[in-house]
Protein backbone atom coordinates (compact mmCIF):
# COMPACT_ATOMS: atom_id res chain seq x y z
CA MET A 1 145.95 156.80 139.09
CA THR A 2 146.84 156.64 135.41
CA GLN A 3 144.52 154.57 133.29
CA LYS A 4 146.13 151.92 131.13
CA ILE A 5 145.22 150.58 127.72
CA GLU A 6 146.59 147.08 127.31
CA PHE A 7 147.10 146.32 123.64
CA LEU A 8 147.31 142.60 122.90
CA PHE A 9 148.58 142.31 119.35
CA ASP A 10 150.29 140.34 116.62
CA VAL A 11 151.85 142.23 113.70
CA GLY A 12 150.22 139.63 111.44
CA SER A 13 146.77 141.05 112.19
CA PRO A 14 145.59 143.86 109.91
CA THR A 15 142.93 144.88 112.41
CA ALA A 16 145.55 145.14 115.16
CA TYR A 17 147.65 147.26 112.78
CA LEU A 18 144.77 149.69 112.33
CA ALA A 19 144.15 149.82 116.08
CA TRP A 20 147.86 150.39 116.73
CA SER A 21 147.82 153.34 114.35
CA GLN A 22 145.20 155.05 116.53
CA LEU A 23 146.30 154.15 120.05
CA PRO A 24 149.05 156.74 120.60
CA ALA A 25 146.67 159.62 119.82
CA LEU A 26 143.98 158.07 122.01
CA CYS A 27 146.45 157.78 124.88
CA GLU A 28 147.58 161.36 124.37
CA ARG A 29 143.99 162.65 124.44
CA THR A 30 143.04 160.66 127.53
CA GLY A 31 146.31 160.60 129.45
CA ALA A 32 146.24 156.80 129.43
CA GLU A 33 149.37 154.69 129.35
CA LEU A 34 149.75 152.30 126.42
CA VAL A 35 150.88 148.85 127.54
CA TYR A 36 152.02 146.55 124.75
CA THR A 37 151.35 142.82 125.16
CA PRO A 38 152.66 140.77 122.24
CA VAL A 39 150.73 137.57 121.49
CA LEU A 40 151.00 134.91 118.84
CA LEU A 41 147.62 135.03 117.14
CA GLY A 42 148.14 131.72 115.32
CA GLY A 43 148.77 130.06 118.67
CA ILE A 44 145.59 131.55 120.09
CA PHE A 45 143.55 130.27 117.14
CA LYS A 46 145.08 126.83 117.54
CA ALA A 47 144.61 126.71 121.33
CA THR A 48 140.97 127.79 121.10
CA GLY A 49 140.03 125.76 118.05
CA ASN A 50 139.05 128.99 116.31
CA ASN A 51 139.67 130.11 112.73
CA PRO A 52 140.89 133.48 111.52
CA PRO A 53 138.15 135.60 109.92
CA GLY A 54 139.64 135.12 106.44
CA ALA A 55 139.15 131.35 106.74
CA VAL A 56 135.38 131.83 107.08
CA PRO A 57 134.09 133.07 103.69
CA ALA A 58 131.36 135.44 104.96
CA LYS A 59 133.59 136.85 107.71
CA GLY A 60 136.48 137.24 105.30
CA MET A 61 134.36 139.21 102.84
CA TYR A 62 133.16 141.63 105.51
CA MET A 63 136.59 141.89 107.10
CA MET A 64 138.09 143.05 103.80
CA ARG A 65 135.38 145.70 103.48
CA ASP A 66 135.87 146.81 107.08
CA LEU A 67 139.64 147.03 106.65
CA ALA A 68 139.23 149.26 103.59
CA ARG A 69 136.68 151.45 105.39
CA TYR A 70 138.78 151.90 108.52
CA SER A 71 141.95 152.47 106.53
CA ALA A 72 140.18 155.30 104.70
CA ARG A 73 138.54 156.66 107.85
CA TYR A 74 141.81 156.77 109.80
CA GLN A 75 143.78 157.86 106.72
CA VAL A 76 146.22 155.02 107.37
CA PRO A 77 147.81 153.23 104.43
CA LEU A 78 146.98 149.53 104.40
CA THR A 79 148.31 147.21 101.72
CA MET A 80 147.26 143.60 102.03
CA ASN A 81 150.37 141.51 102.35
CA PRO A 82 150.61 139.13 99.37
CA HIS A 83 152.31 136.58 101.65
CA PHE A 84 149.42 136.61 104.13
CA PRO A 85 149.10 134.73 106.37
CA VAL A 86 152.68 135.14 107.51
CA ASN A 87 154.25 133.10 110.30
CA THR A 88 155.02 135.91 112.75
CA ILE A 89 156.77 133.92 115.48
CA THR A 90 160.18 135.56 114.91
CA PRO A 91 158.87 139.14 114.54
CA MET A 92 156.74 138.68 117.66
CA ARG A 93 159.72 137.31 119.59
CA ILE A 94 161.72 140.36 118.50
CA ILE A 95 158.92 142.60 119.75
CA THR A 96 158.78 140.66 123.01
CA ALA A 97 162.50 141.31 123.46
CA ALA A 98 162.00 144.99 122.63
CA ILE A 99 159.21 145.69 125.14
CA GLY A 100 160.43 148.22 127.68
CA THR A 101 163.60 149.11 125.77
CA PRO A 102 164.37 152.47 124.18
CA GLU A 103 164.00 150.80 120.76
CA GLN A 104 160.51 149.41 121.49
CA ASP A 105 158.56 151.84 119.31
CA ALA A 106 161.08 151.74 116.46
CA VAL A 107 160.98 147.93 116.38
CA ILE A 108 157.17 147.75 116.45
CA THR A 109 156.85 150.47 113.81
CA ALA A 110 159.40 148.84 111.48
CA LEU A 111 157.70 145.45 111.68
CA TYR A 112 154.16 146.81 111.27
CA ASN A 113 155.23 148.90 108.28
CA ALA A 114 156.90 145.86 106.71
CA MET A 115 153.74 143.86 107.16
CA TRP A 116 151.04 146.36 106.14
CA ARG A 117 152.56 149.40 104.40
CA GLU A 118 155.37 147.97 102.30
CA PRO A 119 154.54 144.28 102.60
CA CYS A 120 157.25 141.68 102.71
CA LYS A 121 157.49 138.10 103.92
CA LEU A 122 158.32 138.64 107.58
CA SER A 123 158.74 134.92 108.15
CA GLU A 124 162.08 135.08 106.31
CA PRO A 125 165.16 136.01 108.39
CA GLU A 126 166.73 137.93 105.50
CA GLU A 127 163.61 140.08 105.16
CA ILE A 128 163.53 140.75 108.91
CA THR A 129 167.22 141.66 108.78
CA ARG A 130 166.60 144.08 105.90
CA VAL A 131 163.59 145.68 107.59
CA LEU A 132 165.35 146.22 110.92
CA THR A 133 168.56 147.44 109.29
CA ASP A 134 166.63 149.89 107.10
CA ALA A 135 165.04 151.23 110.30
CA GLY A 136 168.49 151.88 111.76
CA LEU A 137 168.31 148.96 114.19
CA ASP A 138 170.90 146.27 114.91
CA ALA A 139 169.12 143.40 113.17
CA GLN A 140 171.58 140.72 114.24
CA ALA A 141 171.28 141.70 117.91
CA TRP A 142 167.47 141.60 117.73
CA LEU A 143 167.48 138.21 116.00
CA GLU A 144 169.81 136.85 118.69
CA LYS A 145 167.54 138.18 121.44
CA ALA A 146 164.53 136.63 119.70
CA ALA A 147 166.28 133.26 119.67
CA SER A 148 167.16 133.38 123.38
CA ASP A 149 165.52 130.98 125.82
CA GLU A 150 164.38 133.94 127.93
CA VAL A 151 162.32 135.40 125.07
CA LYS A 152 161.05 132.04 123.87
């Protein structure tokens, strides 16, 4: 039986970005299957009455240090998004629509790169359109899928 690694993630999380950068190699080494589970981190914080680490001064300070350390350790570029925190509901709906499709990895990669490598404001439809188009994806089709009742 193949082991599975379930990755619950939101592209708005820099720690999830760093984990995502390492998971394919981990799965290759172990033979595990990577299962993507998109979540809306802001919704989780709201539902649980919790705060993101950056909203707690001591946690935020250590989180920034940890992010820099892990970025260096993994040799993964990480640029803090100047628009952070970004409302990721539309990007996460696009990813939800992409799960299990041939474009899944391209969509996830494009959105993560736009959030943490070449940061832009992913809450803006025109930015999402640019990012997906630049990645060779049909941006309009993905935005329509994200707006569908099935995905919502």
